PDB file of N, CA and C in Angstrom:
ATOM      1  N   UNK A   1     110.506  66.109 159.280  1.00  0.00           N
ATOM      2  CA  UNK A   1     110.608  67.503 158.921  1.00  0.00           C
ATOM      3  C   UNK A   1     111.852  67.689 158.066  1.00  0.00           C
ATOM      4  N   UNK A   2     111.664  68.014 156.831  1.00  0.00           N
ATOM      5  CA  UNK A   2     112.788  68.210 155.929  1.00  0.00           C
ATOM      6  C   UNK A   2     113.089  69.694 155.819  1.00  0.00           C
ATOM      7  N   UNK A   3     114.351  70.035 155.906  1.00  0.00           N
ATOM      8  CA  UNK A   3     114.769  71.432 155.797  1.00  0.00           C
ATOM      9  C   UNK A   3     115.821  71.538 154.714  1.00  0.00           C
ATOM     10  N   UNK A   4     115.728  72.585 153.959  1.00  0.00           N
ATOM     11  CA  UNK A   4     116.810  72.888 153.033  1.00  0.00           C
ATOM     12  C   UNK A   4     117.466  74.164 153.541  1.00  0.00           C
ATOM     13  N   UNK A   5     118.697  74.338 153.183  1.00  0.00           N
ATOM     14  CA  UNK A   5     119.413  75.525 153.630  1.00  0.00           C
ATOM     15  C   UNK A   5     119.642  76.437 152.436  1.00  0.00           C
ATOM     16  N   UNK A   6     119.875  77.693 152.741  1.00  0.00           N
ATOM     17  CA  UNK A   6     120.184  78.666 151.713  1.00  0.00           C
ATOM     18  C   UNK A   6     121.545  78.307 151.118  1.00  0.00           C
ATOM     19  N   UNK A   7     121.569  78.003 149.826  1.00  0.00           N
ATOM     20  CA  UNK A   7     122.799  77.524 149.187  1.00  0.00           C
ATOM     21  C   UNK A   7     123.909  78.576 149.226  1.00  0.00           C
ATOM     22  N   UNK A   8     123.557  79.823 149.046  1.00  0.00           N
ATOM     23  CA  UNK A   8     124.558  80.891 149.088  1.00  0.00           C
ATOM     24  C   UNK A   8     125.195  80.975 150.484  1.00  0.00           C
ATOM     25  N   UNK A   9     124.368  80.935 151.524  1.00  0.00           N
ATOM     26  CA  UNK A   9     124.878  80.975 152.896  1.00  0.00           C
ATOM     27  C   UNK A   9     125.718  79.739 153.206  1.00  0.00           C
ATOM     28  N   UNK A  10     125.241  78.580 152.744  1.00  0.00           N
ATOM     29  CA  UNK A  10     125.973  77.336 152.961  1.00  0.00           C
ATOM     30  C   UNK A  10     127.371  77.408 152.344  1.00  0.00           C
ATOM     31  N   UNK A  11     127.443  77.884 151.114  1.00  0.00           N
ATOM     32  CA  UNK A  11     128.739  77.982 150.433  1.00  0.00           C
ATOM     33  C   UNK A  11     129.656  78.982 151.136  1.00  0.00           C
ATOM     34  N   UNK A  12     129.089  80.076 151.632  1.00  0.00           N
ATOM     35  CA  UNK A  12     129.895  81.064 152.361  1.00  0.00           C
ATOM     36  C   UNK A  12     130.473  80.445 153.630  1.00  0.00           C
ATOM     37  N   UNK A  13     129.665  79.680 154.341  1.00  0.00           N
ATOM     38  CA  UNK A  13     130.143  79.000 155.555  1.00  0.00           C
ATOM     39  C   UNK A  13     131.205  77.969 155.216  1.00  0.00           C
ATOM     40  N   UNK A  14     130.999  77.229 154.157  1.00  0.00           N
ATOM     41  CA  UNK A  14     131.955  76.215 153.745  1.00  0.00           C
ATOM     42  C   UNK A  14     133.300  76.840 153.377  1.00  0.00           C
ATOM     43  N   UNK A  15     133.269  77.988 152.710  1.00  0.00           N
ATOM     44  CA  UNK A  15     134.514  78.684 152.378  1.00  0.00           C
ATOM     45  C   UNK A  15     135.249  79.134 153.636  1.00  0.00           C
ATOM     46  N   UNK A  16     134.516  79.629 154.615  1.00  0.00           N
ATOM     47  CA  UNK A  16     135.135  80.039 155.884  1.00  0.00           C
ATOM     48  C   UNK A  16     135.772  78.843 156.582  1.00  0.00           C
ATOM     49  N   UNK A  17     135.090  77.711 156.568  1.00  0.00           N
ATOM     50  CA  UNK A  17     135.631  76.513 157.192  1.00  0.00           C
ATOM     51  C   UNK A  17     136.882  76.041 156.449  1.00  0.00           C
ATOM     52  N   UNK A  18     136.841  76.108 155.133  1.00  0.00           N
ATOM     53  CA  UNK A  18     138.028  75.743 154.344  1.00  0.00           C
ATOM     54  C   UNK A  18     139.204  76.641 154.704  1.00  0.00           C
ATOM     55  N   UNK A  19     138.938  77.945 154.838  1.00  0.00           N
ATOM     56  CA  UNK A  19     139.995  78.889 155.199  1.00  0.00           C
ATOM     57  C   UNK A  19     140.549  78.591 156.592  1.00  0.00           C
ATOM     58  N   UNK A  20     139.659  78.232 157.512  1.00  0.00           N
ATOM     59  CA  UNK A  20     140.102  77.891 158.870  1.00  0.00           C
ATOM     60  C   UNK A  20     140.961  76.633 158.845  1.00  0.00           C
ATOM     61  N   UNK A  21     140.558  75.653 158.054  1.00  0.00           N
ATOM     62  CA  UNK A  21     141.332  74.412 157.942  1.00  0.00           C
ATOM     63  C   UNK A  21     142.707  74.695 157.343  1.00  0.00           C
ATOM     64  N   UNK A  22     142.749  75.549 156.331  1.00  0.00           N
ATOM     65  CA  UNK A  22     144.023  75.937 155.726  1.00  0.00           C
ATOM     66  C   UNK A  22     144.908  76.631 156.751  1.00  0.00           C
ATOM     67  N   UNK A  23     144.327  77.523 157.541  1.00  0.00           N
ATOM     68  CA  UNK A  23     145.076  78.206 158.602  1.00  0.00           C
ATOM     69  C   UNK A  23     145.669  77.183 159.570  1.00  0.00           C
ATOM     70  N   UNK A  24     144.873  76.179 159.934  1.00  0.00           N
ATOM     71  CA  UNK A  24     145.340  75.154 160.871  1.00  0.00           C
ATOM     72  C   UNK A  24     146.533  74.396 160.292  1.00  0.00           C
ATOM     73  N   UNK A  25     146.453  74.055 159.023  1.00  0.00           N
ATOM     74  CA  UNK A  25     147.565  73.334 158.385  1.00  0.00           C
ATOM     75  C   UNK A  25     148.798  74.231 158.318  1.00  0.00           C
ATOM     76  N   UNK A  26     148.601  75.464 157.881  1.00  0.00           N
ATOM     77  CA  UNK A  26     149.730  76.381 157.741  1.00  0.00           C
ATOM     78  C   UNK A  26     150.395  76.693 159.078  1.00  0.00           C
ATOM     79  N   UNK A  27     149.646  76.617 160.158  1.00  0.00           N
ATOM     80  CA  UNK A  27     150.172  76.927 161.483  1.00  0.00           C
ATOM     81  C   UNK A  27     150.490  75.671 162.292  1.00  0.00           C
ATOM     82  N   UNK A  28     150.496  74.544 161.598  1.00  0.00           N
ATOM     83  CA  UNK A  28     150.891  73.279 162.215  1.00  0.00           C
ATOM     84  C   UNK A  28     150.049  72.949 163.455  1.00  0.00           C
ATOM     85  N   UNK A  29     148.744  73.225 163.364  1.00  0.00           N
ATOM     86  CA  UNK A  29     147.826  72.919 164.458  1.00  0.00           C
ATOM     87  C   UNK A  29     147.551  71.411 164.476  1.00  0.00           C
ATOM     88  N   UNK A  30     147.615  70.841 165.644  1.00  0.00           N
ATOM     89  CA  UNK A  30     147.354  69.412 165.808  1.00  0.00           C
ATOM     90  C   UNK A  30     145.971  69.079 165.235  1.00  0.00           C
ATOM     91  N   UNK A  31     145.885  68.123 164.302  1.00  0.00           N
ATOM     92  CA  UNK A  31     144.592  67.793 163.695  1.00  0.00           C
ATOM     93  C   UNK A  31     143.546  67.328 164.700  1.00  0.00           C
ATOM     94  N   UNK A  32     143.994  66.704 165.802  1.00  0.00           N
ATOM     95  CA  UNK A  32     143.042  66.279 166.827  1.00  0.00           C
ATOM     96  C   UNK A  32     142.451  67.490 167.548  1.00  0.00           C
ATOM     97  N   UNK A  33     143.255  68.515 167.732  1.00  0.00           N
ATOM     98  CA  UNK A  33     142.744  69.756 168.341  1.00  0.00           C
ATOM     99  C   UNK A  33     141.715  70.407 167.431  1.00  0.00           C
ATOM    100  N   UNK A  34     142.003  70.411 166.136  1.00  0.00           N
ATOM    101  CA  UNK A  34     141.063  70.995 165.179  1.00  0.00           C
ATOM    102  C   UNK A  34     139.744  70.223 165.198  1.00  0.00           C
ATOM    103  N   UNK A  35     139.827  68.918 165.194  1.00  0.00           N
ATOM    104  CA  UNK A  35     138.607  68.102 165.216  1.00  0.00           C
ATOM    105  C   UNK A  35     137.810  68.329 166.497  1.00  0.00           C
ATOM    106  N   UNK A  36     138.511  68.411 167.626  1.00  0.00           N
ATOM    107  CA  UNK A  36     137.811  68.665 168.890  1.00  0.00           C
ATOM    108  C   UNK A  36     137.119  70.023 168.847  1.00  0.00           C
ATOM    109  N   UNK A  37     137.768  71.021 168.264  1.00  0.00           N
ATOM    110  CA  UNK A  37     137.151  72.345 168.136  1.00  0.00           C
ATOM    111  C   UNK A  37     135.869  72.264 167.324  1.00  0.00           C
ATOM    112  N   UNK A  38     135.878  71.482 166.247  1.00  0.00           N
ATOM    113  CA  UNK A  38     134.676  71.336 165.424  1.00  0.00           C
ATOM    114  C   UNK A  38     133.543  70.698 166.224  1.00  0.00           C
ATOM    115  N   UNK A  39     133.872  69.678 167.002  1.00  0.00           N
ATOM    116  CA  UNK A  39     132.855  69.015 167.828  1.00  0.00           C
ATOM    117  C   UNK A  39     132.304  69.956 168.902  1.00  0.00           C
ATOM    118  N   UNK A  40     133.179  70.737 169.510  1.00  0.00           N
ATOM    119  CA  UNK A  40     132.728  71.716 170.511  1.00  0.00           C
ATOM    120  C   UNK A  40     131.806  72.744 169.868  1.00  0.00           C
ATOM    121  N   UNK A  41     132.190  73.207 168.684  1.00  0.00           N
ATOM    122  CA  UNK A  41     131.360  74.196 167.985  1.00  0.00           C
ATOM    123  C   UNK A  41     129.970  73.638 167.699  1.00  0.00           C
ATOM    124  N   UNK A  42     129.892  72.380 167.303  1.00  0.00           N
ATOM    125  CA  UNK A  42     128.599  71.756 167.028  1.00  0.00           C
ATOM    126  C   UNK A  42     127.769  71.619 168.304  1.00  0.00           C
ATOM    127  N   UNK A  43     128.418  71.239 169.396  1.00  0.00           N
ATOM    128  CA  UNK A  43     127.707  71.137 170.676  1.00  0.00           C
ATOM    129  C   UNK A  43     127.210  72.506 171.143  1.00  0.00           C
ATOM    130  N   UNK A  44     128.045  73.534 170.962  1.00  0.00           N
ATOM    131  CA  UNK A  44     127.633  74.891 171.339  1.00  0.00           C
ATOM    132  C   UNK A  44     126.440  75.336 170.493  1.00  0.00           C
ATOM    133  N   UNK A  45     126.479  75.023 169.198  1.00  0.00           N
ATOM    134  CA  UNK A  45     125.382  75.384 168.309  1.00  0.00           C
ATOM    135  C   UNK A  45     124.096  74.675 168.724  1.00  0.00           C
ATOM    136  N   UNK A  46     124.210  73.412 169.134  1.00  0.00           N
ATOM    137  CA  UNK A  46     123.048  72.659 169.601  1.00  0.00           C
ATOM    138  C   UNK A  46     122.443  73.312 170.834  1.00  0.00           C
ATOM    139  N   UNK A  47     123.278  73.711 171.778  1.00  0.00           N
ATOM    140  CA  UNK A  47     122.783  74.357 172.995  1.00  0.00           C
ATOM    141  C   UNK A  47     122.059  75.658 172.674  1.00  0.00           C
ATOM    142  N   UNK A  48     122.642  76.451 171.796  1.00  0.00           N
ATOM    143  CA  UNK A  48     122.014  77.716 171.413  1.00  0.00           C
ATOM    144  C   UNK A  48     120.662  77.461 170.746  1.00  0.00           C
ATOM    145  N   UNK A  49     120.614  76.471 169.858  1.00  0.00           N
ATOM    146  CA  UNK A  49     119.350  76.158 169.180  1.00  0.00           C
ATOM    147  C   UNK A  49     118.289  75.721 170.189  1.00  0.00           C
ATOM    148  N   UNK A  50     118.667  74.854 171.119  1.00  0.00           N
ATOM    149  CA  UNK A  50     117.718  74.411 172.144  1.00  0.00           C
ATOM    150  C   UNK A  50     117.255  75.577 173.010  1.00  0.00           C
ATOM    151  N   UNK A  51     118.191  76.457 173.368  1.00  0.00           N
ATOM    152  CA  UNK A  51     117.844  77.634 174.174  1.00  0.00           C
ATOM    153  C   UNK A  51     116.897  78.572 173.437  1.00  0.00           C
ATOM    154  N   UNK A  52     116.946  78.539 172.108  1.00  0.00           N
ATOM    155  CA  UNK A  52     116.066  79.397 171.297  1.00  0.00           C
ATOM    156  C   UNK A  52     114.750  78.725 170.949  1.00  0.00           C
ATOM    157  N   UNK A  53     114.536  77.528 171.498  1.00  0.00           N
ATOM    158  CA  UNK A  53     113.236  76.882 171.335  1.00  0.00           C
ATOM    159  C   UNK A  53     113.147  75.860 170.222  1.00  0.00           C
ATOM    160  N   UNK A  54     114.248  75.557 169.555  1.00  0.00           N
ATOM    161  CA  UNK A  54     114.215  74.502 168.551  1.00  0.00           C
ATOM    162  C   UNK A  54     114.251  73.172 169.306  1.00  0.00           C
ATOM    163  N   UNK A  55     113.369  72.283 168.925  1.00  0.00           N
ATOM    164  CA  UNK A  55     113.277  71.017 169.664  1.00  0.00           C
ATOM    165  C   UNK A  55     114.427  70.086 169.289  1.00  0.00           C
ATOM    166  N   UNK A  56     114.760  69.223 170.238  1.00  0.00           N
ATOM    167  CA  UNK A  56     115.805  68.231 170.004  1.00  0.00           C
ATOM    168  C   UNK A  56     115.423  67.322 168.840  1.00  0.00           C
ATOM    169  N   UNK A  57     114.150  66.986 168.746  1.00  0.00           N
ATOM    170  CA  UNK A  57     113.678  66.133 167.646  1.00  0.00           C
ATOM    171  C   UNK A  57     113.910  66.826 166.306  1.00  0.00           C
ATOM    172  N   UNK A  58     113.589  68.110 166.223  1.00  0.00           N
ATOM    173  CA  UNK A  58     113.821  68.843 164.978  1.00  0.00           C
ATOM    174  C   UNK A  58     115.309  68.896 164.634  1.00  0.00           C
ATOM    175  N   UNK A  59     116.154  69.104 165.640  1.00  0.00           N
ATOM    176  CA  UNK A  59     117.602  69.112 165.396  1.00  0.00           C
ATOM    177  C   UNK A  59     118.070  67.746 164.899  1.00  0.00           C
ATOM    178  N   UNK A  60     117.586  66.689 165.524  1.00  0.00           N
ATOM    179  CA  UNK A  60     117.987  65.342 165.118  1.00  0.00           C
ATOM    180  C   UNK A  60     117.507  65.029 163.701  1.00  0.00           C
ATOM    181  N   UNK A  61     116.307  65.467 163.368  1.00  0.00           N
ATOM    182  CA  UNK A  61     115.790  65.252 162.008  1.00  0.00           C
ATOM    183  C   UNK A  61     116.630  66.007 160.981  1.00  0.00           C
ATOM    184  N   UNK A  62     116.942  67.253 161.303  1.00  0.00           N
ATOM    185  CA  UNK A  62     117.765  68.052 160.399  1.00  0.00           C
ATOM    186  C   UNK A  62     119.133  67.396 160.216  1.00  0.00           C
ATOM    187  N   UNK A  63     119.758  66.983 161.322  1.00  0.00           N
ATOM    188  CA  UNK A  63     121.079  66.359 161.263  1.00  0.00           C
ATOM    189  C   UNK A  63     121.039  65.081 160.422  1.00  0.00           C
ATOM    190  N   UNK A  64     119.986  64.308 160.554  1.00  0.00           N
ATOM    191  CA  UNK A  64     119.859  63.072 159.787  1.00  0.00           C
ATOM    192  C   UNK A  64     119.802  63.363 158.288  1.00  0.00           C
ATOM    193  N   UNK A  65     119.014  64.345 157.917  1.00  0.00           N
ATOM    194  CA  UNK A  65     118.907  64.732 156.508  1.00  0.00           C
ATOM    195  C   UNK A  65     120.246  65.273 156.002  1.00  0.00           C
ATOM    196  N   UNK A  66     120.875  66.106 156.815  1.00  0.00           N
ATOM    197  CA  UNK A  66     122.165  66.684 156.427  1.00  0.00           C
ATOM    198  C   UNK A  66     123.217  65.594 156.251  1.00  0.00           C
ATOM    199  N   UNK A  67     123.242  64.613 157.140  1.00  0.00           N
ATOM    200  CA  UNK A  67     124.223  63.520 157.039  1.00  0.00           C
ATOM    201  C   UNK A  67     124.015  62.708 155.771  1.00  0.00           C
ATOM    202  N   UNK A  68     122.771  62.490 155.381  1.00  0.00           N
ATOM    203  CA  UNK A  68     122.495  61.770 154.127  1.00  0.00           C
ATOM    204  C   UNK A  68     123.003  62.588 152.938  1.00  0.00           C
ATOM    205  N   UNK A  69     122.776  63.890 152.965  1.00  0.00           N
ATOM    206  CA  UNK A  69     123.274  64.762 151.904  1.00  0.00           C
ATOM    207  C   UNK A  69     124.799  64.728 151.844  1.00  0.00           C
ATOM    208  N   UNK A  70     125.438  64.736 153.014  1.00  0.00           N
ATOM    209  CA  UNK A  70     126.899  64.704 153.084  1.00  0.00           C
ATOM    210  C   UNK A  70     127.428  63.398 152.506  1.00  0.00           C
ATOM    211  N   UNK A  71     126.817  62.287 152.879  1.00  0.00           N
ATOM    212  CA  UNK A  71     127.262  60.982 152.362  1.00  0.00           C
ATOM    213  C   UNK A  71     127.141  60.935 150.845  1.00  0.00           C
ATOM    214  N   UNK A  72     126.050  61.453 150.326  1.00  0.00           N
ATOM    215  CA  UNK A  72     125.862  61.494 148.879  1.00  0.00           C
ATOM    216  C   UNK A  72     126.921  62.385 148.221  1.00  0.00           C
ATOM    217  N   UNK A  73     127.171  63.505 148.818  1.00  0.00           N
ATOM    218  CA  UNK A  73     128.159  64.448 148.287  1.00  0.00           C
ATOM    219  C   UNK A  73     129.546  63.816 148.298  1.00  0.00           C
ATOM    220  N   UNK A  74     129.896  63.130 149.382  1.00  0.00           N
ATOM    221  CA  UNK A  74     131.221  62.515 149.520  1.00  0.00           C
ATOM    222  C   UNK A  74     131.426  61.394 148.487  1.00  0.00           C
ATOM    223  N   UNK A  75     130.365  60.680 148.139  1.00  0.00           N
ATOM    224  CA  UNK A  75     130.474  59.613 147.162  1.00  0.00           C
ATOM    225  C   UNK A  75     130.745  60.174 145.755  1.00  0.00           C
ATOM    226  N   UNK A  76     130.369  61.419 145.542  1.00  0.00           N
ATOM    227  CA  UNK A  76     130.524  62.029 144.221  1.00  0.00           C
ATOM    228  C   UNK A  76     131.826  62.818 144.082  1.00  0.00           C
ATOM    229  N   UNK A  77     132.688  62.753 145.075  1.00  0.00           N
ATOM    230  CA  UNK A  77     133.973  63.467 144.973  1.00  0.00           C
ATOM    231  C   UNK A  77     134.911  62.762 144.031  1.00  0.00           C
TER     232      UNK A  77
END
């Protein structure tokens, strides 16, 4: 199952994450704490998706596609 995301929404989320990362740097937040927060947020999002009826298989498929897109994007930086 291949999913694409709304590019406008994706960019808006990415800007918010960039701003949060900047805040963390400016406030001398421990980078390990920031990373743990990101992992917790992803786990919370997974729970909410499962509670709303999205299957684990669909989430795993989406994550796999997204990770491939991320790897491609990172190679082009």
